[in-house]
C-alpha atoms as a PDB file:
ATOM      1  CA  MET A   1       0.000   0.000   0.000  1.00  0.00           C
ATOM      2  CA  ALA A   2       1.305   3.433  -0.927  1.00  0.00           C
ATOM      3  CA  ILE A   3       1.817   5.680   2.088  1.00  0.00           C
ATOM      4  CA  HIS A   4       0.879   9.291   1.462  1.00  0.00           C
ATOM      5  CA  THR A   5       2.601  11.928   3.574  1.00  0.00           C
ATOM      6  CA  ALA A   6       1.792  15.546   4.416  1.00  0.00           C
ATOM      7  CA  LEU A   7       3.864  18.247   6.087  1.00  0.00           C
ATOM      8  CA  THR A   8       2.519  21.202   8.045  1.00  0.00           C
ATOM      9  CA  ILE A   9       4.718  24.239   8.705  1.00  0.00           C
ATOM     10  CA  ALA A  10       2.931  26.309  11.322  1.00  0.00           C
ATOM     11  CA  GLY A  11       2.543  27.469  14.905  1.00  0.00           C
ATOM     12  CA  THR A  12       1.208  25.511  17.852  1.00  0.00           C
ATOM     13  CA  ASP A  13      -1.947  25.434  19.959  1.00  0.00           C
ATOM     14  CA  PRO A  14      -1.496  23.760  23.367  1.00  0.00           C
ATOM     15  CA  THR A  15      -5.244  23.150  23.656  1.00  0.00           C
ATOM     16  CA  GLY A  16      -5.162  21.181  20.397  1.00  0.00           C
ATOM     17  CA  GLY A  17      -7.836  22.922  18.366  1.00  0.00           C
ATOM     18  CA  ALA A  18      -5.748  24.857  15.865  1.00  0.00           C
ATOM     19  CA  GLY A  19      -2.293  25.099  14.355  1.00  0.00           C
ATOM     20  CA  VAL A  20       0.030  22.122  14.030  1.00  0.00           C
ATOM     21  CA  GLN A  21      -2.022  20.017  16.440  1.00  0.00           C
ATOM     22  CA  ALA A  22      -5.218  20.447  14.399  1.00  0.00           C
ATOM     23  CA  ASP A  23      -3.309  19.764  11.179  1.00  0.00           C
ATOM     24  CA  LEU A  24      -1.841  16.497  12.455  1.00  0.00           C
ATOM     25  CA  LYS A  25      -5.235  15.333  13.764  1.00  0.00           C
ATOM     26  CA  THR A  26      -6.778  16.063  10.373  1.00  0.00           C
ATOM     27  CA  PHE A  27      -4.009  14.289   8.465  1.00  0.00           C
ATOM     28  CA  GLN A  28      -4.519  11.227  10.652  1.00  0.00           C
ATOM     29  CA  GLU A  29      -8.279  11.218  10.165  1.00  0.00           C
ATOM     30  CA  ARG A  30      -7.815  11.491   6.403  1.00  0.00           C
ATOM     31  CA  GLU A  31      -5.376   8.534   6.494  1.00  0.00           C
ATOM     32  CA  VAL A  32      -2.248  10.481   5.576  1.00  0.00           C
ATOM     33  CA  PHE A  33       0.997  10.304   7.567  1.00  0.00           C
ATOM     34  CA  GLY A  34       1.493  13.723   9.124  1.00  0.00           C
ATOM     35  CA  MET A  35       4.750  15.571   9.811  1.00  0.00           C
ATOM     36  CA  SER A  36       5.400  19.036  11.216  1.00  0.00           C
ATOM     37  CA  VAL A  37       7.801  21.951  11.362  1.00  0.00           C
ATOM     38  CA  ILE A  38       7.152  24.364  14.234  1.00  0.00           C
ATOM     39  CA  THR A  39       7.507  28.056  13.358  1.00  0.00           C
ATOM     40  CA  SER A  40       6.099  29.621  16.536  1.00  0.00           C
ATOM     41  CA  VAL A  41       5.101  28.351  19.955  1.00  0.00           C
ATOM     42  CA  LEU A  42       1.902  29.948  21.237  1.00  0.00           C
ATOM     43  CA  ALA A  43       0.315  30.063  24.645  1.00  0.00           C
ATOM     44  CA  GLN A  44      -3.322  30.134  23.553  1.00  0.00           C
ATOM     45  CA  ASN A  45      -6.636  28.553  24.357  1.00  0.00           C
ATOM     46  CA  THR A  46     -10.264  28.949  23.360  1.00  0.00           C
ATOM     47  CA  THR A  47     -10.379  32.447  24.892  1.00  0.00           C
ATOM     48  CA  GLY A  48      -7.410  33.966  23.068  1.00  0.00           C
ATOM     49  CA  VAL A  49      -3.654  34.190  22.618  1.00  0.00           C
ATOM     50  CA  GLN A  50      -1.666  34.868  25.750  1.00  0.00           C
ATOM     51  CA  MET A  51       1.930  34.705  24.483  1.00  0.00           C
ATOM     52  CA  ILE A  52       3.916  33.978  21.294  1.00  0.00           C
ATOM     53  CA  ASN A  53       7.543  32.921  20.917  1.00  0.00           C
ATOM     54  CA  HIS A  54       8.924  32.543  17.391  1.00  0.00           C
ATOM     55  CA  MET A  55      11.416  29.776  16.704  1.00  0.00           C
ATOM     56  CA  PRO A  56      14.956  30.790  15.653  1.00  0.00           C
ATOM     57  CA  LEU A  57      15.281  30.833  11.893  1.00  0.00           C
ATOM     58  CA  ASP A  58      18.082  28.269  11.838  1.00  0.00           C
ATOM     59  CA  LEU A  59      15.952  25.872  13.888  1.00  0.00           C
ATOM     60  CA  ILE A  60      13.037  26.228  11.459  1.00  0.00           C
ATOM     61  CA  GLN A  61      15.379  25.530   8.562  1.00  0.00           C
ATOM     62  CA  ALA A  62      16.926  22.550  10.358  1.00  0.00           C
ATOM     63  CA  GLN A  63      13.502  21.046  11.100  1.00  0.00           C
ATOM     64  CA  LEU A  64      12.509  21.424   7.470  1.00  0.00           C
ATOM     65  CA  ASP A  65      15.741  19.891   6.200  1.00  0.00           C
ATOM     66  CA  SER A  66      15.313  16.963   8.617  1.00  0.00           C
ATOM     67  CA  VAL A  67      11.966  16.158   7.011  1.00  0.00           C
ATOM     68  CA  LEU A  68      12.873  16.791   3.388  1.00  0.00           C
ATOM     69  CA  THR A  69      16.068  14.710   3.461  1.00  0.00           C
ATOM     70  CA  ASP A  70      14.394  11.693   5.058  1.00  0.00           C
ATOM     71  CA  ILE A  71      10.631  11.430   4.430  1.00  0.00           C
ATOM     72  CA  PRO A  72       9.641  13.552   1.425  1.00  0.00           C
ATOM     73  CA  PRO A  73       6.096  14.922   1.782  1.00  0.00           C
ATOM     74  CA  SER A  74       3.414  14.270  -0.826  1.00  0.00           C
ATOM     75  CA  ALA A  75       1.986  17.725  -0.058  1.00  0.00           C
ATOM     76  CA  VAL A  76       2.937  20.695   2.132  1.00  0.00           C
ATOM     77  CA  LYS A  77       0.856  23.324   3.892  1.00  0.00           C
ATOM     78  CA  THR A  78       1.818  26.458   5.753  1.00  0.00           C
ATOM     79  CA  GLY A  79      -0.182  28.066   8.508  1.00  0.00           C
ATOM     80  CA  MET A  80       1.237  30.723  10.817  1.00  0.00           C
ATOM     81  CA  ILE A  81       4.423  32.049   9.192  1.00  0.00           C
ATOM     82  CA  ALA A  82       4.818  35.163  11.270  1.00  0.00           C
ATOM     83  CA  THR A  83       7.814  37.048   9.859  1.00  0.00           C
ATOM     84  CA  PRO A  84       9.201  37.965   6.428  1.00  0.00           C
ATOM     85  CA  GLU A  85      12.441  36.201   7.335  1.00  0.00           C
ATOM     86  CA  MET A  86      10.565  32.926   7.900  1.00  0.00           C
ATOM     87  CA  MET A  87       8.753  33.316   4.592  1.00  0.00           C
ATOM     88  CA  GLU A  88      11.927  34.016   2.654  1.00  0.00           C
ATOM     89  CA  ALA A  89      13.627  31.005   4.254  1.00  0.00           C
ATOM     90  CA  LEU A  90      10.827  28.742   3.014  1.00  0.00           C
ATOM     91  CA  VAL A  91      10.737  29.955  -0.590  1.00  0.00           C
ATOM     92  CA  ASP A  92      13.789  28.085  -1.921  1.00  0.00           C
ATOM     93  CA  ARG A  93      12.780  24.820  -0.283  1.00  0.00           C
ATOM     94  CA  LEU A  94       9.176  25.024  -1.486  1.00  0.00           C
ATOM     95  CA  GLN A  95      10.363  25.765  -5.011  1.00  0.00           C
ATOM     96  CA  ALA A  96      12.717  22.782  -4.908  1.00  0.00           C
ATOM     97  CA  ILE A  97      10.082  20.160  -4.085  1.00  0.00           C
ATOM     98  CA  ASP A  98       7.546  19.351  -6.796  1.00  0.00           C
ATOM     99  CA  VAL A  99       4.474  18.682  -4.640  1.00  0.00           C
ATOM    100  CA  PRO A 100       1.214  20.569  -4.006  1.00  0.00           C
ATOM    101  CA  TYR A 101       1.649  23.511  -1.641  1.00  0.00           C
ATOM    102  CA  ILE A 102      -1.332  24.836   0.334  1.00  0.00           C
ATOM    103  CA  CYS A 103      -1.022  28.341   1.789  1.00  0.00           C
ATOM    104  CA  ASP A 104      -3.372  29.050   4.688  1.00  0.00           C
ATOM    105  CA  PRO A 105      -2.672  32.741   5.371  1.00  0.00           C
ATOM    106  CA  VAL A 106      -3.104  32.726   9.148  1.00  0.00           C
ATOM    107  CA  MET A 107      -3.181  36.405  10.094  1.00  0.00           C
ATOM    108  CA  ILE A 108      -5.729  36.665  12.910  1.00  0.00           C
ATOM    109  CA  ALA A 109      -6.732  34.118  15.552  1.00  0.00           C
ATOM    110  CA  LYS A 110     -10.418  33.205  15.899  1.00  0.00           C
ATOM    111  CA  SER A 111     -10.399  35.230  19.131  1.00  0.00           C
ATOM    112  CA  GLY A 112      -9.439  38.308  17.103  1.00  0.00           C
ATOM    113  CA  ASP A 113      -5.821  38.445  18.275  1.00  0.00           C
ATOM    114  CA  PRO A 114      -3.471  39.575  15.471  1.00  0.00           C
ATOM    115  CA  LEU A 115      -0.789  37.039  14.510  1.00  0.00           C
ATOM    116  CA  MET A 116       0.986  39.006  11.768  1.00  0.00           C
ATOM    117  CA  ASP A 117       1.932  42.665  11.265  1.00  0.00           C
ATOM    118  CA  GLU A 118       1.428  44.638   8.037  1.00  0.00           C
ATOM    119  CA  HIS A 119       5.031  44.176   6.889  1.00  0.00           C
ATOM    120  CA  SER A 120       4.637  40.435   7.204  1.00  0.00           C
ATOM    121  CA  ARG A 121       1.321  40.502   5.343  1.00  0.00           C
ATOM    122  CA  LYS A 122       2.983  42.320   2.446  1.00  0.00           C
ATOM    123  CA  SER A 123       5.778  39.776   2.423  1.00  0.00           C
ATOM    124  CA  LEU A 124       3.256  36.933   2.360  1.00  0.00           C
ATOM    125  CA  ARG A 125       1.691  38.360  -0.802  1.00  0.00           C
ATOM    126  CA  GLU A 126       5.090  38.523  -2.498  1.00  0.00           C
ATOM    127  CA  THR A 127       6.758  35.291  -1.319  1.00  0.00           C
ATOM    128  CA  LEU A 128       4.465  32.393  -0.423  1.00  0.00           C
ATOM    129  CA  VAL A 129       1.181  33.183  -2.179  1.00  0.00           C
ATOM    130  CA  PRO A 130       2.699  33.079  -5.701  1.00  0.00           C
ATOM    131  CA  LEU A 131       4.057  29.568  -4.990  1.00  0.00           C
ATOM    132  CA  ALA A 132       0.741  28.152  -3.802  1.00  0.00           C
ATOM    133  CA  THR A 133      -1.238  25.420  -5.477  1.00  0.00           C
ATOM    134  CA  ILE A 134      -4.168  26.827  -3.527  1.00  0.00           C
ATOM    135  CA  VAL A 135      -4.593  29.683  -1.044  1.00  0.00           C
ATOM    136  CA  THR A 136      -7.344  29.295   1.580  1.00  0.00           C
ATOM    137  CA  PRO A 137      -8.158  32.673   3.203  1.00  0.00           C
ATOM    138  CA  ASN A 138     -11.273  33.593   5.118  1.00  0.00           C
ATOM    139  CA  ILE A 139     -12.933  36.886   4.219  1.00  0.00           C
ATOM    140  CA  PRO A 140     -10.799  39.154   6.475  1.00  0.00           C
ATOM    141  CA  GLU A 141      -7.614  37.431   5.288  1.00  0.00           C
ATOM    142  CA  ALA A 142      -8.644  37.727   1.633  1.00  0.00           C
ATOM    143  CA  SER A 143      -9.441  41.408   2.217  1.00  0.00           C
ATOM    144  CA  ASP A 144      -5.910  41.925   3.537  1.00  0.00           C
ATOM    145  CA  LEU A 145      -4.286  39.994   0.709  1.00  0.00           C
ATOM    146  CA  ILE A 146      -5.920  41.953  -2.092  1.00  0.00           C
ATOM    147  CA  GLU A 147      -6.650  45.137  -0.125  1.00  0.00           C
ATOM    148  CA  MET A 148     -10.346  45.393  -0.875  1.00  0.00           C
ATOM    149  CA  LYS A 149     -13.536  45.209   1.153  1.00  0.00           C
ATOM    150  CA  ILE A 150     -15.443  41.942   0.750  1.00  0.00           C
ATOM    151  CA  GLU A 151     -19.160  41.971   1.514  1.00  0.00           C
ATOM    152  CA  THR A 152     -20.949  39.929  -1.145  1.00  0.00           C
ATOM    153  CA  VAL A 153     -20.476  36.645  -2.992  1.00  0.00           C
ATOM    154  CA  ALA A 154     -19.531  38.703  -6.041  1.00  0.00           C
ATOM    155  CA  ASP A 155     -16.786  40.318  -3.936  1.00  0.00           C
ATOM    156  CA  MET A 156     -15.587  36.850  -2.891  1.00  0.00           C
ATOM    157  CA  GLU A 157     -15.426  35.802  -6.538  1.00  0.00           C
ATOM    158  CA  LYS A 158     -13.461  38.923  -7.443  1.00  0.00           C
ATOM    159  CA  ALA A 159     -11.058  38.310  -4.548  1.00  0.00           C
ATOM    160  CA  ALA A 160     -10.436  34.716  -5.588  1.00  0.00           C
ATOM    161  CA  LYS A 161      -9.711  35.799  -9.151  1.00  0.00           C
ATOM    162  CA  LEU A 162      -7.303  38.507  -7.993  1.00  0.00           C
ATOM    163  CA  ILE A 163      -5.386  36.077  -5.779  1.00  0.00           C
ATOM    164  CA  VAL A 164      -4.910  33.848  -8.818  1.00  0.00           C
ATOM    165  CA  ASN A 165      -4.569  36.308 -11.675  1.00  0.00           C
ATOM    166  CA  GLU A 166      -2.750  39.129  -9.859  1.00  0.00           C
ATOM    167  CA  LEU A 167      -0.885  37.481  -6.940  1.00  0.00           C
ATOM    168  CA  GLY A 168       0.016  34.350  -8.879  1.00  0.00           C
ATOM    169  CA  ALA A 169      -1.496  31.441  -6.952  1.00  0.00           C
ATOM    170  CA  LYS A 170      -2.740  28.490  -8.995  1.00  0.00           C
ATOM    171  CA  ALA A 171      -6.128  28.459  -7.208  1.00  0.00           C
ATOM    172  CA  ALA A 172      -7.917  30.163  -4.327  1.00  0.00           C
ATOM    173  CA  VAL A 173     -10.857  29.316  -2.106  1.00  0.00           C
ATOM    174  CA  ILE A 174     -12.457  32.167  -0.151  1.00  0.00           C
ATOM    175  CA  LYS A 175     -14.189  30.819   2.949  1.00  0.00           C
ATOM    176  CA  GLY A 176     -17.608  32.261   3.723  1.00  0.00           C
ATOM    177  CA  GLY A 177     -17.744  31.501   7.436  1.00  0.00           C
ATOM    178  CA  TYR A 178     -17.609  35.167   8.433  1.00  0.00           C
ATOM    179  CA  ARG A 179     -20.842  35.898   6.583  1.00  0.00           C
ATOM    180  CA  THR A 180     -24.034  35.784   8.632  1.00  0.00           C
ATOM    181  CA  ASP A 181     -26.503  34.706   5.949  1.00  0.00           C
ATOM    182  CA  HIS A 182     -24.741  31.552   4.665  1.00  0.00           C
ATOM    183  CA  SER A 183     -21.423  29.680   4.762  1.00  0.00           C
ATOM    184  CA  THR A 184     -20.842  29.335   1.026  1.00  0.00           C
ATOM    185  CA  ASP A 185     -17.195  29.105  -0.026  1.00  0.00           C
ATOM    186  CA  VAL A 186     -15.990  30.301  -3.424  1.00  0.00           C
ATOM    187  CA  LEU A 187     -13.329  28.339  -5.321  1.00  0.00           C
ATOM    188  CA  PHE A 188     -11.514  29.731  -8.359  1.00  0.00           C
ATOM    189  CA  SER A 189      -9.420  27.078 -10.118  1.00  0.00           C
ATOM    190  CA  ASN A 190      -8.517  26.512 -13.761  1.00  0.00           C
ATOM    191  CA  GLN A 191     -10.257  29.805 -14.522  1.00  0.00           C
ATOM    192  CA  THR A 192     -13.523  28.273 -13.315  1.00  0.00           C
ATOM    193  CA  MET A 193     -15.644  29.519 -10.402  1.00  0.00           C
ATOM    194  CA  THR A 194     -17.309  26.985  -8.083  1.00  0.00           C
ATOM    195  CA  HIS A 195     -19.570  27.609  -5.089  1.00  0.00           C
ATOM    196  CA  LEU A 196     -19.443  25.141  -2.192  1.00  0.00           C
ATOM    197  CA  HIS A 197     -22.558  25.231  -0.043  1.00  0.00           C
ATOM    198  CA  ALA A 198     -23.208  23.813   3.418  1.00  0.00           C
ATOM    199  CA  ASP A 199     -25.907  24.158   6.045  1.00  0.00           C
ATOM    200  CA  ARG A 200     -24.904  26.641   8.717  1.00  0.00           C
ATOM    201  CA  THR A 201     -24.497  25.383  12.302  1.00  0.00           C
ATOM    202  CA  ASN A 202     -25.404  27.760  15.110  1.00  0.00           C
ATOM    203  CA  THR A 203     -22.293  27.411  17.278  1.00  0.00           C
ATOM    204  CA  LYS A 204     -19.459  29.507  18.671  1.00  0.00           C
ATOM    205  CA  HIS A 205     -17.105  26.519  18.622  1.00  0.00           C
ATOM    206  CA  LEU A 206     -15.114  27.415  15.519  1.00  0.00           C
ATOM    207  CA  HIS A 207     -11.547  27.504  16.854  1.00  0.00           C
ATOM    208  CA  GLY A 208      -9.180  26.086  14.253  1.00  0.00           C
ATOM    209  CA  THR A 209     -11.691  25.792  11.408  1.00  0.00           C
ATOM    210  CA  GLY A 210      -9.308  27.342   8.882  1.00  0.00           C
ATOM    211  CA  CYS A 211      -6.406  25.117   9.922  1.00  0.00           C
ATOM    212  CA  THR A 212      -8.576  22.008   9.787  1.00  0.00           C
ATOM    213  CA  PHE A 213     -10.116  22.866   6.404  1.00  0.00           C
ATOM    214  CA  SER A 214      -6.761  23.572   4.772  1.00  0.00           C
ATOM    215  CA  ALA A 215      -5.232  20.461   6.347  1.00  0.00           C
ATOM    216  CA  ALA A 216      -8.024  18.314   4.909  1.00  0.00           C
ATOM    217  CA  ILE A 217      -7.382  19.821   1.473  1.00  0.00           C
ATOM    218  CA  THR A 218      -3.662  19.129   1.923  1.00  0.00           C
ATOM    219  CA  ALA A 219      -4.319  15.491   2.804  1.00  0.00           C
ATOM    220  CA  GLU A 220      -6.480  14.954  -0.262  1.00  0.00           C
ATOM    221  CA  LEU A 221      -3.956  16.618  -2.578  1.00  0.00           C
ATOM    222  CA  ALA A 222      -1.287  14.369  -1.030  1.00  0.00           C
ATOM    223  CA  LYS A 223      -3.389  11.402  -2.187  1.00  0.00           C
ATOM    224  CA  GLY A 224      -3.409  12.741  -5.738  1.00  0.00           C
ATOM    225  CA  LYS A 225      -6.890  14.256  -5.797  1.00  0.00           C
ATOM    226  CA  SER A 226      -7.568  17.254  -8.016  1.00  0.00           C
ATOM    227  CA  ILE A 227      -7.939  20.704  -6.465  1.00  0.00           C
ATOM    228  CA  GLU A 228     -11.693  20.582  -7.000  1.00  0.00           C
ATOM    229  CA  GLU A 229     -12.014  17.124  -5.401  1.00  0.00           C
ATOM    230  CA  ALA A 230      -9.754  18.057  -2.489  1.00  0.00           C
ATOM    231  CA  VAL A 231     -11.675  21.237  -1.692  1.00  0.00           C
ATOM    232  CA  SER A 232     -15.037  19.439  -1.931  1.00  0.00           C
ATOM    233  CA  ILE A 233     -13.900  16.732   0.493  1.00  0.00           C
ATOM    234  CA  GLY A 234     -12.316  19.346   2.750  1.00  0.00           C
ATOM    235  CA  LYS A 235     -15.592  21.279   2.813  1.00  0.00           C
ATOM    236  CA  ALA A 236     -17.507  18.145   3.820  1.00  0.00           C
ATOM    237  CA  PHE A 237     -14.900  17.331   6.477  1.00  0.00           C
ATOM    238  CA  ILE A 238     -14.965  20.771   8.132  1.00  0.00           C
ATOM    239  CA  THR A 239     -18.770  20.963   7.917  1.00  0.00           C
ATOM    240  CA  ASP A 240     -19.048  17.725   9.912  1.00  0.00           C
ATOM    241  CA  ALA A 241     -16.316  18.894  12.310  1.00  0.00           C
ATOM    242  CA  ILE A 242     -18.396  22.001  13.047  1.00  0.00           C
ATOM    243  CA  SER A 243     -21.783  20.260  13.083  1.00  0.00           C
ATOM    244  CA  TYR A 244     -20.819  17.608  15.660  1.00  0.00           C
ATOM    245  CA  THR A 245     -19.450  20.104  18.146  1.00  0.00           C
ATOM    246  CA  LEU A 246     -17.517  18.991  21.242  1.00  0.00           C
ATOM    247  CA  ASN A 247     -18.533  21.916  23.487  1.00  0.00           C
ATOM    248  CA  LEU A 248     -15.043  22.216  24.944  1.00  0.00           C
ATOM    249  CA  GLY A 249     -13.532  25.327  26.481  1.00  0.00           C
ATOM    250  CA  SER A 250     -14.962  28.524  27.890  1.00  0.00           C
ATOM    251  CA  GLY A 251     -14.463  30.532  24.690  1.00  0.00           C
ATOM    252  CA  ASN A 252     -14.547  29.644  20.984  1.00  0.00           C
ATOM    253  CA  GLY A 253     -14.089  25.894  21.343  1.00  0.00           C
ATOM    254  CA  PRO A 254     -12.418  23.505  18.883  1.00  0.00           C
ATOM    255  CA  THR A 255     -14.070  21.603  16.073  1.00  0.00           C
ATOM    256  CA  ASN A 256     -14.555  17.831  16.164  1.00  0.00           C
ATOM    257  CA  HIS A 257     -11.886  16.192  14.017  1.00  0.00           C
ATOM    258  CA  TRP A 258     -13.698  12.851  14.059  1.00  0.00           C
ATOM    259  CA  GLY A 259     -17.085  14.401  13.355  1.00  0.00           C
ATOM    260  CA  PHE A 260     -17.222  12.850   9.887  1.00  0.00           C
ATOM    261  CA  ARG A 261     -17.217   9.404  11.466  1.00  0.00           C
ATOM    262  CA  LEU A 262     -20.649  10.216  12.861  1.00  0.00           C
ATOM    263  CA  LYS A 263     -22.018  10.876   9.395  1.00  0.00           C
ATOM    264  CA  GLY A 264     -19.703   9.342   6.811  1.00  0.00           C
ATOM    265  CA  LEU A 265     -17.604  11.083   4.217  1.00  0.00           C
ATOM    266  CA  PRO A 266     -16.988  10.179   0.564  1.00  0.00           C
ATOM    267  CA  GLY A 267     -13.614  10.250  -1.071  1.00  0.00           C
ATOM    268  CA  LYS A 268     -11.441   8.019   1.116  1.00  0.00           C
END
């Protein structure tokens, strides 16, 4: 049996709902062997971010080289890449490996705490986004990337096109979770626009949804699925993870990474 592998390059969440921990849980549930490179260690929980300590650049590079020289990943995703120096250090290595690369532009925690300054956001646009097989921003992140206000589905479509046609990504999916009327996501890939619909769940437990969604997409691309198939399966996975809530924590609690087991999910 072929073993598919996936690498996440991101920050941590000690309560397990977001970041590297959420990515590895998702990889496991999608039957892909997960690996990780830690960029930042966070003290955070469901109520917010209390402290952040960025890893030394040489340690990030050494972690990445340890993985790439021993167990090559079938797909790679990045989450919290907090500084321009980190981004620049990743560019050469991402260019050198011919596998799908998923860029989840983690800029703001679900609690609203900022995780990246404006200089870093500009660097993200110029370094990592152009390398991406797919970029997976929510509405505020997409607004920052293309510097426009996003209010309607038409705005989401325009943003997705700009991320591809102007910033250089191969595909983009704009997540609609921040809208109040629906949770439709918009995918622009191969110059084709696709809407992904899901019933909305009335819950505050949405910590780590972006990490989990992008990790599910990464796992499916690692298996050789197309972008469209990977995003569709990822959408189903995160919808179940939100729907079968765990009710953990006193703030915005985590999603349920085994939620799909309670309903079933196509595409394994």
